[in-house]
Structures are given as C-alpha cells and as structure tokens.
Amino acid sequence: MREEWYDPLNKVAVTIVDVKDAAQELAKAHLSGPTAAKYLAEALAGAALLGAEMSEKDESVSVQMKCSGPLGGLNVECTSEGTLRGYTEKKILDDFDGVRVPKDKEVLGDVQLQITRTVPGRILSQGISRSFDGYLAGSLQRKACIKLEASVSDDVEILGAKGVMVEDMPDHVGELVSCKLSKLKSLNVSSRRLLDELGLKGAELKKTTELKFACRCSPERAVAMLGALSDVEKASLPEKLDITCHMCGRIFTIKTR
C-alpha cells in the first residue's frame, strides 16, 4: 500500500509505502537468499515511493543499481497502476546468508543509481546518482529525503519492507522536517506514529494506492522473441526451449518449430 499525506500547517508532504507482499512473491520466484531479498525489498520500496510522482497513463519508473559489491546490482520497476517487479544480479550470497547481518558497504560496495521514468516508446526523464536522496536533490532539485527498511528471516520470510519519503514544500518555513527522517529508529510502526515522530500531527491522508507484484511477461511475448531470430539460428535451437523472465523469475517452455 502507498499512502500520500500532507501537513497543511507545516507545508510538508509524506509518502509511506509497504511492499512486503510484493517483495515476498519476488524473493520466492527468484529463489533469493535472505541478503538478496532484503536489498530487493528495499529497492522495491524506493521505486514505489518515486512511483507516487507518475501522472501519465502506462508510465513507469525503474531503478537500476550498479554496485561493486558481491550483490552485483539490481533492477526494479513500479508502474502507474502500482505494480512492482524486479531482481538482483546475485540471488545467493554465501558469505552472508544465514551467517550474519551484513553492512550495506559489504554487500553493495560503491553504488550508482540510474532512475528512469518512461511511457511506452518514450523516456520522460533520467537521472544518475549515488543515492535516492542524491537523485531527489540533484536531478529534481527538491528538499526531500528517503528512508528504506526491510527485515528478512534466515528462511527468507519478509518480516517487513517499508519506505518513507518526506518533502519540505518550497513555502515551508523553519527547520527542514525531511532532515529528521534519518533519525527515526524504525519504520515498522503505524503511519500515524511515524508522522507524530516527525512532528506532523496535523498531516492528512490525501491518497492511497494498492501496491502488488505483477509482470508484463507472457507466453506470447516469449514466442515473439523468436521472431527476431534468423532461420539458421532457429534451426540450431532444441525443439523446446525454456525462457526465463529476469524481472520476475517466471519460466516459459515454448516450441521452437
């Protein structure tokens, strides 16, 4: 679920997302270990927060992370309909899974985010940064901060996966509320509790959007991929071929001839 709140007195907007269910379905589909599942869940929450900005039909926002650490990177997407999908480059990290809770630097290393908003056939905007906050400040020139939090058990049960974005509007006066976000101890509390801790007791709920896992892959799309091959290439294929969707892990078995 995505909730969009606004405090008219303080001139502050807050977006809160919970992507636990979608993260669980994707972690299961990709056979992810607990470490990969944690970072996938957090990235899904980040994409869901940015998805609140979408205004055009069939618009989507994607977050592609390249990192030097053992995770390798990830790619997640949120559509204007609130559907989520994505994957991590590495699914199992033996040095961390079931061993200890790693630090971000150990798993990710140096990070680069590419955030892209598109509609079919057209790129609306694109920005590159080292963090979500850097993207908001640098590419969008906004006084906003994002905090992401996910918890995963050793048997890959998603215990929680939430994200919060706080934005001080241009007419906000006084101390920046967005700066308080990093000081919150946990996001695993009610929305009203989060708002109270940020000093936004007068915040009003303006909009809610259901968030869920869904992918655009299909058997028909898998078959269509073969249309791009030459007759010689098709002849070299086995009679049956398994095609895996990288975004959701679904496998399609199709006949090649």
C-alpha atoms as a PDB file:
ATOM      1  CA  MET A   1       0.000   0.000   0.000  1.00  0.00           C
ATOM      2  CA  ARG A   2       1.142   3.545  -0.728  1.00  0.00           C
ATOM      3  CA  GLU A   3      -0.159   6.426   1.383  1.00  0.00           C
ATOM      4  CA  GLU A   4       0.284  10.073   0.479  1.00  0.00           C
ATOM      5  CA  TRP A   5      -0.027  12.535   3.377  1.00  0.00           C
ATOM      6  CA  TYR A   6       0.164  16.309   3.596  1.00  0.00           C
ATOM      7  CA  ASP A   7       0.523  18.612   6.595  1.00  0.00           C
ATOM      8  CA  PRO A   8      -1.017  21.985   5.580  1.00  0.00           C
ATOM      9  CA  LEU A   9       0.363  23.836   8.595  1.00  0.00           C
ATOM     10  CA  ASN A  10       3.980  22.769   8.166  1.00  0.00           C
ATOM     11  CA  LYS A  11       3.802  22.542   4.350  1.00  0.00           C
ATOM     12  CA  VAL A  12       5.309  19.053   4.329  1.00  0.00           C
ATOM     13  CA  ALA A  13       4.384  16.057   2.175  1.00  0.00           C
ATOM     14  CA  VAL A  14       4.997  12.484   3.329  1.00  0.00           C
ATOM     15  CA  THR A  15       4.698   9.299   1.281  1.00  0.00           C
ATOM     16  CA  ILE A  16       4.698   5.923   3.055  1.00  0.00           C
ATOM     17  CA  VAL A  17       4.873   2.570   1.267  1.00  0.00           C
ATOM     18  CA  ASP A  18       4.640  -1.044   2.396  1.00  0.00           C
ATOM     19  CA  VAL A  19       5.861  -3.564  -0.211  1.00  0.00           C
ATOM     20  CA  LYS A  20       6.115  -6.645   1.999  1.00  0.00           C
ATOM     21  CA  ASP A  21       3.788  -8.850  -0.073  1.00  0.00           C
ATOM     22  CA  ALA A  22       5.324  -7.987  -3.443  1.00  0.00           C
ATOM     23  CA  ALA A  23       8.828  -8.458  -2.065  1.00  0.00           C
ATOM     24  CA  GLN A  24       7.869 -11.883  -0.688  1.00  0.00           C
ATOM     25  CA  GLU A  25       6.487 -13.057  -4.023  1.00  0.00           C
ATOM     26  CA  LEU A  26       9.575 -11.909  -5.922  1.00  0.00           C
ATOM     27  CA  ALA A  27      12.029 -13.364  -3.407  1.00  0.00           C
ATOM     28  CA  LYS A  28      10.243 -16.703  -3.697  1.00  0.00           C
ATOM     29  CA  ALA A  29      10.090 -16.594  -7.503  1.00  0.00           C
ATOM     30  CA  HIS A  30      13.800 -15.787  -7.789  1.00  0.00           C
ATOM     31  CA  LEU A  31      14.807 -18.313  -5.089  1.00  0.00           C
ATOM     32  CA  SER A  32      16.628 -15.476  -3.358  1.00  0.00           C
ATOM     33  CA  GLY A  33      18.594 -15.871  -0.174  1.00  0.00           C
ATOM     34  CA  PRO A  34      17.865 -13.565   2.781  1.00  0.00           C
ATOM     35  CA  THR A  35      20.531 -10.978   1.916  1.00  0.00           C
ATOM     36  CA  ALA A  36      19.446 -10.513  -1.703  1.00  0.00           C
ATOM     37  CA  ALA A  37      15.799 -10.498  -0.602  1.00  0.00           C
ATOM     38  CA  LYS A  38      16.495  -7.653   1.843  1.00  0.00           C
ATOM     39  CA  TYR A  39      18.058  -5.378  -0.764  1.00  0.00           C
ATOM     40  CA  LEU A  40      15.432  -6.301  -3.346  1.00  0.00           C
ATOM     41  CA  ALA A  41      12.688  -5.368  -0.857  1.00  0.00           C
ATOM     42  CA  GLU A  42      14.307  -2.024  -0.060  1.00  0.00           C
ATOM     43  CA  ALA A  43      14.751  -1.192  -3.745  1.00  0.00           C
ATOM     44  CA  LEU A  44      11.103  -2.050  -4.427  1.00  0.00           C
ATOM     45  CA  ALA A  45      10.113   0.350  -1.647  1.00  0.00           C
ATOM     46  CA  GLY A  46      12.284   3.064  -3.210  1.00  0.00           C
ATOM     47  CA  ALA A  47      10.686   2.581  -6.626  1.00  0.00           C
ATOM     48  CA  ALA A  48       7.204   2.586  -5.056  1.00  0.00           C
ATOM     49  CA  LEU A  49       7.955   5.932  -3.375  1.00  0.00           C
ATOM     50  CA  LEU A  50       9.114   7.500  -6.630  1.00  0.00           C
ATOM     51  CA  GLY A  51       6.078   5.996  -8.338  1.00  0.00           C
ATOM     52  CA  ALA A  52       3.856   8.446  -6.484  1.00  0.00           C
ATOM     53  CA  GLU A  53       5.147  11.107  -8.886  1.00  0.00           C
ATOM     54  CA  MET A  54       3.783   9.435 -12.014  1.00  0.00           C
ATOM     55  CA  SER A  55       0.995  11.244 -13.810  1.00  0.00           C
ATOM     56  CA  GLU A  56       0.684   9.693 -17.278  1.00  0.00           C
ATOM     57  CA  LYS A  57      -1.160   6.535 -18.261  1.00  0.00           C
ATOM     58  CA  ASP A  58       1.113   3.493 -18.649  1.00  0.00           C
ATOM     59  CA  GLU A  59       4.001   5.406 -17.069  1.00  0.00           C
ATOM     60  CA  SER A  60       6.647   3.501 -15.137  1.00  0.00           C
ATOM     61  CA  VAL A  61       9.709   4.321 -13.073  1.00  0.00           C
ATOM     62  CA  SER A  62      12.687   1.983 -12.961  1.00  0.00           C
ATOM     63  CA  VAL A  63      15.626   1.944 -10.593  1.00  0.00           C
ATOM     64  CA  GLN A  64      18.773   0.275 -11.864  1.00  0.00           C
ATOM     65  CA  MET A  65      21.578  -0.105  -9.367  1.00  0.00           C
ATOM     66  CA  LYS A  66      25.116  -0.965 -10.363  1.00  0.00           C
ATOM     67  CA  CYS A  67      27.400  -1.828  -7.470  1.00  0.00           C
ATOM     68  CA  SER A  68      30.929  -3.110  -6.999  1.00  0.00           C
ATOM     69  CA  GLY A  69      29.986  -5.364  -4.073  1.00  0.00           C
ATOM     70  CA  PRO A  70      29.011  -9.051  -4.207  1.00  0.00           C
ATOM     71  CA  LEU A  71      25.320  -8.305  -4.873  1.00  0.00           C
ATOM     72  CA  GLY A  72      26.355  -7.133  -8.345  1.00  0.00           C
ATOM     73  CA  GLY A  73      23.382  -4.818  -8.819  1.00  0.00           C
ATOM     74  CA  LEU A  74      19.617  -4.867  -9.161  1.00  0.00           C
ATOM     75  CA  ASN A  75      16.762  -3.608 -11.295  1.00  0.00           C
ATOM     76  CA  VAL A  76      13.250  -2.806 -10.041  1.00  0.00           C
ATOM     77  CA  GLU A  77      10.195  -1.160 -11.563  1.00  0.00           C
ATOM     78  CA  CYS A  78       6.938   0.422 -10.427  1.00  0.00           C
ATOM     79  CA  THR A  79       4.116   1.233 -12.839  1.00  0.00           C
ATOM     80  CA  SER A  80       1.419   3.893 -12.637  1.00  0.00           C
ATOM     81  CA  GLU A  81      -1.009   1.106 -11.709  1.00  0.00           C
ATOM     82  CA  GLY A  82       1.044   0.277  -8.627  1.00  0.00           C
ATOM     83  CA  THR A  83       2.536  -2.983  -9.892  1.00  0.00           C
ATOM     84  CA  LEU A  84       6.053  -3.933  -8.842  1.00  0.00           C
ATOM     85  CA  ARG A  85       8.664  -6.303 -10.221  1.00  0.00           C
ATOM     86  CA  GLY A  86      12.438  -6.678 -10.160  1.00  0.00           C
ATOM     87  CA  TYR A  87      15.500  -8.785  -9.459  1.00  0.00           C
ATOM     88  CA  THR A  88      19.013  -8.741  -8.038  1.00  0.00           C
ATOM     89  CA  GLU A  89      22.043  -9.825 -10.077  1.00  0.00           C
ATOM     90  CA  LYS A  90      23.099 -12.349  -7.414  1.00  0.00           C
ATOM     91  CA  LYS A  91      20.451 -14.343  -5.601  1.00  0.00           C
ATOM     92  CA  ILE A  92      22.577 -16.231  -3.077  1.00  0.00           C
ATOM     93  CA  LEU A  93      25.412 -14.645  -1.082  1.00  0.00           C
ATOM     94  CA  ASP A  94      27.122 -17.436   0.826  1.00  0.00           C
ATOM     95  CA  ASP A  95      29.325 -15.119   2.887  1.00  0.00           C
ATOM     96  CA  PHE A  96      26.252 -13.516   4.490  1.00  0.00           C
ATOM     97  CA  ASP A  97      23.149 -15.717   4.126  1.00  0.00           C
ATOM     98  CA  GLY A  98      22.371 -17.323   7.458  1.00  0.00           C
ATOM     99  CA  VAL A  99      25.728 -16.216   8.831  1.00  0.00           C
ATOM    100  CA  ARG A 100      25.405 -12.612   9.956  1.00  0.00           C
ATOM    101  CA  VAL A 101      23.656  -9.338   9.199  1.00  0.00           C
ATOM    102  CA  PRO A 102      25.945  -7.527   6.745  1.00  0.00           C
ATOM    103  CA  LYS A 103      26.611  -3.834   6.453  1.00  0.00           C
ATOM    104  CA  ASP A 104      25.470  -2.081   3.284  1.00  0.00           C
ATOM    105  CA  LYS A 105      29.045  -1.325   2.240  1.00  0.00           C
ATOM    106  CA  GLU A 106      29.974  -5.009   2.457  1.00  0.00           C
ATOM    107  CA  VAL A 107      27.150  -6.109   0.159  1.00  0.00           C
ATOM    108  CA  LEU A 108      26.870  -3.135  -2.179  1.00  0.00           C
ATOM    109  CA  GLY A 109      30.316  -1.558  -2.289  1.00  0.00           C
ATOM    110  CA  ASP A 110      30.329   1.539  -4.494  1.00  0.00           C
ATOM    111  CA  VAL A 111      26.852   2.298  -5.813  1.00  0.00           C
ATOM    112  CA  GLN A 112      25.433   4.093  -8.830  1.00  0.00           C
ATOM    113  CA  LEU A 113      21.680   4.501  -9.323  1.00  0.00           C
ATOM    114  CA  GLN A 114      20.044   5.225 -12.659  1.00  0.00           C
ATOM    115  CA  ILE A 115      16.406   6.255 -12.260  1.00  0.00           C
ATOM    116  CA  THR A 116      14.300   6.402 -15.412  1.00  0.00           C
ATOM    117  CA  ARG A 117      10.694   7.419 -15.977  1.00  0.00           C
ATOM    118  CA  THR A 118       9.127   6.181 -19.207  1.00  0.00           C
ATOM    119  CA  VAL A 119       5.927   5.707 -21.143  1.00  0.00           C
ATOM    120  CA  PRO A 120       5.820   3.151 -23.957  1.00  0.00           C
ATOM    121  CA  GLY A 121       8.287   4.257 -26.622  1.00  0.00           C
ATOM    122  CA  ARG A 122       9.487   7.392 -24.815  1.00  0.00           C
ATOM    123  CA  ILE A 123      11.806   8.348 -21.953  1.00  0.00           C
ATOM    124  CA  LEU A 124      10.325  11.124 -19.836  1.00  0.00           C
ATOM    125  CA  SER A 125      13.319  11.730 -17.577  1.00  0.00           C
ATOM    126  CA  GLN A 126      16.505  10.098 -16.411  1.00  0.00           C
ATOM    127  CA  GLY A 127      18.903  10.787 -13.574  1.00  0.00           C
ATOM    128  CA  ILE A 128      22.069   9.215 -12.194  1.00  0.00           C
ATOM    129  CA  SER A 129      23.161   9.452  -8.581  1.00  0.00           C
ATOM    130  CA  ARG A 130      24.796   7.515  -5.753  1.00  0.00           C
ATOM    131  CA  SER A 131      21.633   7.504  -3.640  1.00  0.00           C
ATOM    132  CA  PHE A 132      17.895   8.198  -3.683  1.00  0.00           C
ATOM    133  CA  ASP A 133      18.453  11.376  -1.690  1.00  0.00           C
ATOM    134  CA  GLY A 134      21.109  12.482  -4.162  1.00  0.00           C
ATOM    135  CA  TYR A 135      18.665  11.919  -7.026  1.00  0.00           C
ATOM    136  CA  LEU A 136      15.963  13.974  -5.321  1.00  0.00           C
ATOM    137  CA  ALA A 137      18.320  16.854  -4.534  1.00  0.00           C
ATOM    138  CA  GLY A 138      20.463  16.776  -7.660  1.00  0.00           C
ATOM    139  CA  SER A 139      18.199  15.690 -10.509  1.00  0.00           C
ATOM    140  CA  LEU A 140      14.889  17.011  -9.169  1.00  0.00           C
ATOM    141  CA  GLN A 141      16.123  19.962  -7.066  1.00  0.00           C
ATOM    142  CA  ARG A 142      13.805  19.054  -4.206  1.00  0.00           C
ATOM    143  CA  LYS A 143      14.199  19.268  -0.439  1.00  0.00           C
ATOM    144  CA  ALA A 144      13.308  15.670   0.226  1.00  0.00           C
ATOM    145  CA  CYS A 145      14.759  12.563   1.853  1.00  0.00           C
ATOM    146  CA  ILE A 146      14.020   8.842   1.623  1.00  0.00           C
ATOM    147  CA  LYS A 147      14.469   6.134   4.253  1.00  0.00           C
ATOM    148  CA  LEU A 148      14.145   2.432   3.403  1.00  0.00           C
ATOM    149  CA  GLU A 149      13.943  -0.510   5.771  1.00  0.00           C
ATOM    150  CA  ALA A 150      13.489  -4.250   5.230  1.00  0.00           C
ATOM    151  CA  SER A 151      13.842  -7.226   7.534  1.00  0.00           C
ATOM    152  CA  VAL A 152      14.164 -10.823   6.314  1.00  0.00           C
ATOM    153  CA  SER A 153      14.449 -14.054   8.301  1.00  0.00           C
ATOM    154  CA  ASP A 154      17.059 -16.723   7.549  1.00  0.00           C
ATOM    155  CA  ASP A 155      14.384 -18.794   5.797  1.00  0.00           C
ATOM    156  CA  VAL A 156      13.558 -15.813   3.551  1.00  0.00           C
ATOM    157  CA  GLU A 157      10.348 -14.678   5.166  1.00  0.00           C
ATOM    158  CA  ILE A 158       9.906 -10.944   4.573  1.00  0.00           C
ATOM    159  CA  LEU A 159       9.153  -9.640   8.057  1.00  0.00           C
ATOM    160  CA  GLY A 160       8.780  -6.038   6.931  1.00  0.00           C
ATOM    161  CA  ALA A 161       9.539  -3.860   3.899  1.00  0.00           C
ATOM    162  CA  LYS A 162       8.698  -0.173   4.147  1.00  0.00           C
ATOM    163  CA  GLY A 163       9.846   3.164   2.817  1.00  0.00           C
ATOM    164  CA  VAL A 164       9.161   6.797   3.692  1.00  0.00           C
ATOM    165  CA  MET A 165       9.758   9.965   1.690  1.00  0.00           C
ATOM    166  CA  VAL A 166       9.491  13.352   3.398  1.00  0.00           C
ATOM    167  CA  GLU A 167       9.481  16.529   1.308  1.00  0.00           C
ATOM    168  CA  ASP A 168       9.530  20.109   2.562  1.00  0.00           C
ATOM    169  CA  MET A 169       7.495  22.208   0.145  1.00  0.00           C
ATOM    170  CA  PRO A 170       9.014  25.428  -1.309  1.00  0.00           C
ATOM    171  CA  ASP A 171       6.852  27.518   1.029  1.00  0.00           C
ATOM    172  CA  HIS A 172       7.892  25.577   4.137  1.00  0.00           C
ATOM    173  CA  VAL A 173       9.380  27.846   6.816  1.00  0.00           C
ATOM    174  CA  GLY A 174      11.712  26.785   9.603  1.00  0.00           C
ATOM    175  CA  GLU A 175      13.725  23.648  10.271  1.00  0.00           C
ATOM    176  CA  LEU A 176      13.607  21.094   7.463  1.00  0.00           C
ATOM    177  CA  VAL A 177      11.395  18.198   8.536  1.00  0.00           C
ATOM    178  CA  SER A 178      12.984  15.944   5.898  1.00  0.00           C
ATOM    179  CA  CYS A 179      16.250  16.078   7.874  1.00  0.00           C
ATOM    180  CA  LYS A 180      14.515  14.348  10.798  1.00  0.00           C
ATOM    181  CA  LEU A 181      13.764  11.229   8.755  1.00  0.00           C
ATOM    182  CA  SER A 182      17.188   9.644   9.213  1.00  0.00           C
ATOM    183  CA  LYS A 183      16.789   9.923  12.995  1.00  0.00           C
ATOM    184  CA  LEU A 184      13.765   7.636  13.114  1.00  0.00           C
ATOM    185  CA  LYS A 185      14.728   4.398  14.856  1.00  0.00           C
ATOM    186  CA  SER A 186      12.324   2.199  12.937  1.00  0.00           C
ATOM    187  CA  LEU A 187       9.751   2.391  10.168  1.00  0.00           C
ATOM    188  CA  ASN A 188       7.981  -0.691  11.472  1.00  0.00           C
ATOM    189  CA  VAL A 189       5.270   1.302  13.248  1.00  0.00           C
ATOM    190  CA  SER A 190       1.908   2.744  12.215  1.00  0.00           C
ATOM    191  CA  SER A 191       1.746   5.617   9.738  1.00  0.00           C
ATOM    192  CA  ARG A 192       0.305   7.921  12.381  1.00  0.00           C
ATOM    193  CA  ARG A 193       3.152   7.042  14.749  1.00  0.00           C
ATOM    194  CA  LEU A 194       5.700   7.897  12.050  1.00  0.00           C
ATOM    195  CA  LEU A 195       4.031  11.227  11.377  1.00  0.00           C
ATOM    196  CA  ASP A 196       3.891  12.060  15.073  1.00  0.00           C
ATOM    197  CA  GLU A 197       7.597  11.297  15.454  1.00  0.00           C
ATOM    198  CA  LEU A 198       8.277  13.709  12.577  1.00  0.00           C
ATOM    199  CA  GLY A 199       6.224  16.411  14.332  1.00  0.00           C
ATOM    200  CA  LEU A 200       3.437  16.269  11.737  1.00  0.00           C
ATOM    201  CA  LYS A 201       0.413  15.652  13.940  1.00  0.00           C
ATOM    202  CA  GLY A 202      -1.799  17.649  11.563  1.00  0.00           C
ATOM    203  CA  ALA A 203      -0.982  15.552   8.481  1.00  0.00           C
ATOM    204  CA  GLU A 204      -3.978  14.477   6.415  1.00  0.00           C
ATOM    205  CA  LEU A 205      -4.233  11.391   4.251  1.00  0.00           C
ATOM    206  CA  LYS A 206      -4.777  12.527   0.656  1.00  0.00           C
ATOM    207  CA  LYS A 207      -4.445   9.366  -1.434  1.00  0.00           C
ATOM    208  CA  THR A 208      -3.886   5.624  -1.183  1.00  0.00           C
ATOM    209  CA  THR A 209      -2.724   3.255  -3.914  1.00  0.00           C
ATOM    210  CA  GLU A 210      -2.629  -0.526  -3.771  1.00  0.00           C
ATOM    211  CA  LEU A 211       0.824  -1.942  -4.474  1.00  0.00           C
ATOM    212  CA  LYS A 212       1.255  -5.501  -5.720  1.00  0.00           C
ATOM    213  CA  PHE A 213       3.565  -7.768  -7.670  1.00  0.00           C
ATOM    214  CA  ALA A 214       2.820  -8.146 -11.382  1.00  0.00           C
ATOM    215  CA  CYS A 215       4.898  -8.641 -14.522  1.00  0.00           C
ATOM    216  CA  ARG A 216       4.201  -7.948 -18.181  1.00  0.00           C
ATOM    217  CA  CYS A 217       5.813 -11.177 -19.350  1.00  0.00           C
ATOM    218  CA  SER A 218       3.644 -13.820 -21.044  1.00  0.00           C
ATOM    219  CA  PRO A 219       3.947 -16.932 -23.234  1.00  0.00           C
ATOM    220  CA  GLU A 220       3.045 -14.763 -26.236  1.00  0.00           C
ATOM    221  CA  ARG A 221       5.929 -12.369 -25.533  1.00  0.00           C
ATOM    222  CA  ALA A 222       8.290 -15.309 -25.146  1.00  0.00           C
ATOM    223  CA  VAL A 223       7.242 -16.696 -28.535  1.00  0.00           C
ATOM    224  CA  ALA A 224       7.563 -13.238 -30.104  1.00  0.00           C
ATOM    225  CA  MET A 225      11.229 -13.162 -29.078  1.00  0.00           C
ATOM    226  CA  LEU A 226      11.908 -15.996 -31.512  1.00  0.00           C
ATOM    227  CA  GLY A 227      10.640 -13.826 -34.363  1.00  0.00           C
ATOM    228  CA  ALA A 228      13.838 -11.777 -34.186  1.00  0.00           C
ATOM    229  CA  LEU A 229      15.993 -14.839 -34.924  1.00  0.00           C
ATOM    230  CA  SER A 230      17.100 -15.922 -38.397  1.00  0.00           C
ATOM    231  CA  ASP A 231      16.041 -19.274 -39.813  1.00  0.00           C
ATOM    232  CA  VAL A 232      19.576 -20.565 -39.270  1.00  0.00           C
ATOM    233  CA  GLU A 233      19.507 -19.527 -35.619  1.00  0.00           C
ATOM    234  CA  LYS A 234      16.089 -21.086 -35.106  1.00  0.00           C
ATOM    235  CA  ALA A 235      17.268 -24.356 -36.661  1.00  0.00           C
ATOM    236  CA  SER A 236      20.085 -24.570 -34.106  1.00  0.00           C
ATOM    237  CA  LEU A 237      17.655 -24.466 -31.187  1.00  0.00           C
ATOM    238  CA  PRO A 238      16.165 -27.528 -29.484  1.00  0.00           C
ATOM    239  CA  GLU A 239      12.523 -28.303 -30.218  1.00  0.00           C
ATOM    240  CA  LYS A 240      11.563 -26.999 -26.790  1.00  0.00           C
ATOM    241  CA  LEU A 241      13.190 -24.025 -25.123  1.00  0.00           C
ATOM    242  CA  ASP A 242      12.924 -22.625 -21.596  1.00  0.00           C
ATOM    243  CA  ILE A 243      12.866 -18.821 -21.471  1.00  0.00           C
ATOM    244  CA  THR A 244      13.199 -17.124 -18.088  1.00  0.00           C
ATOM    245  CA  CYS A 245      11.906 -13.624 -17.373  1.00  0.00           C
ATOM    246  CA  HIS A 246      14.686 -11.853 -15.495  1.00  0.00           C
ATOM    247  CA  MET A 247      12.258  -9.406 -13.883  1.00  0.00           C
ATOM    248  CA  CYS A 248      10.033 -11.951 -12.145  1.00  0.00           C
ATOM    249  CA  GLY A 249      11.736 -15.342 -12.468  1.00  0.00           C
ATOM    250  CA  ARG A 250       8.855 -16.957 -14.361  1.00  0.00           C
ATOM    251  CA  ILE A 251       9.874 -19.689 -16.843  1.00  0.00           C
ATOM    252  CA  PHE A 252       8.088 -20.298 -20.148  1.00  0.00           C
ATOM    253  CA  THR A 253       8.591 -23.513 -22.119  1.00  0.00           C
ATOM    254  CA  ILE A 254       7.918 -22.889 -25.805  1.00  0.00           C
ATOM    255  CA  LYS A 255       8.169 -24.891 -29.009  1.00  0.00           C
ATOM    256  CA  THR A 256      10.678 -23.507 -31.497  1.00  0.00           C
ATOM    257  CA  ARG A 257       9.304 -25.368 -34.531  1.00  0.00           C
END
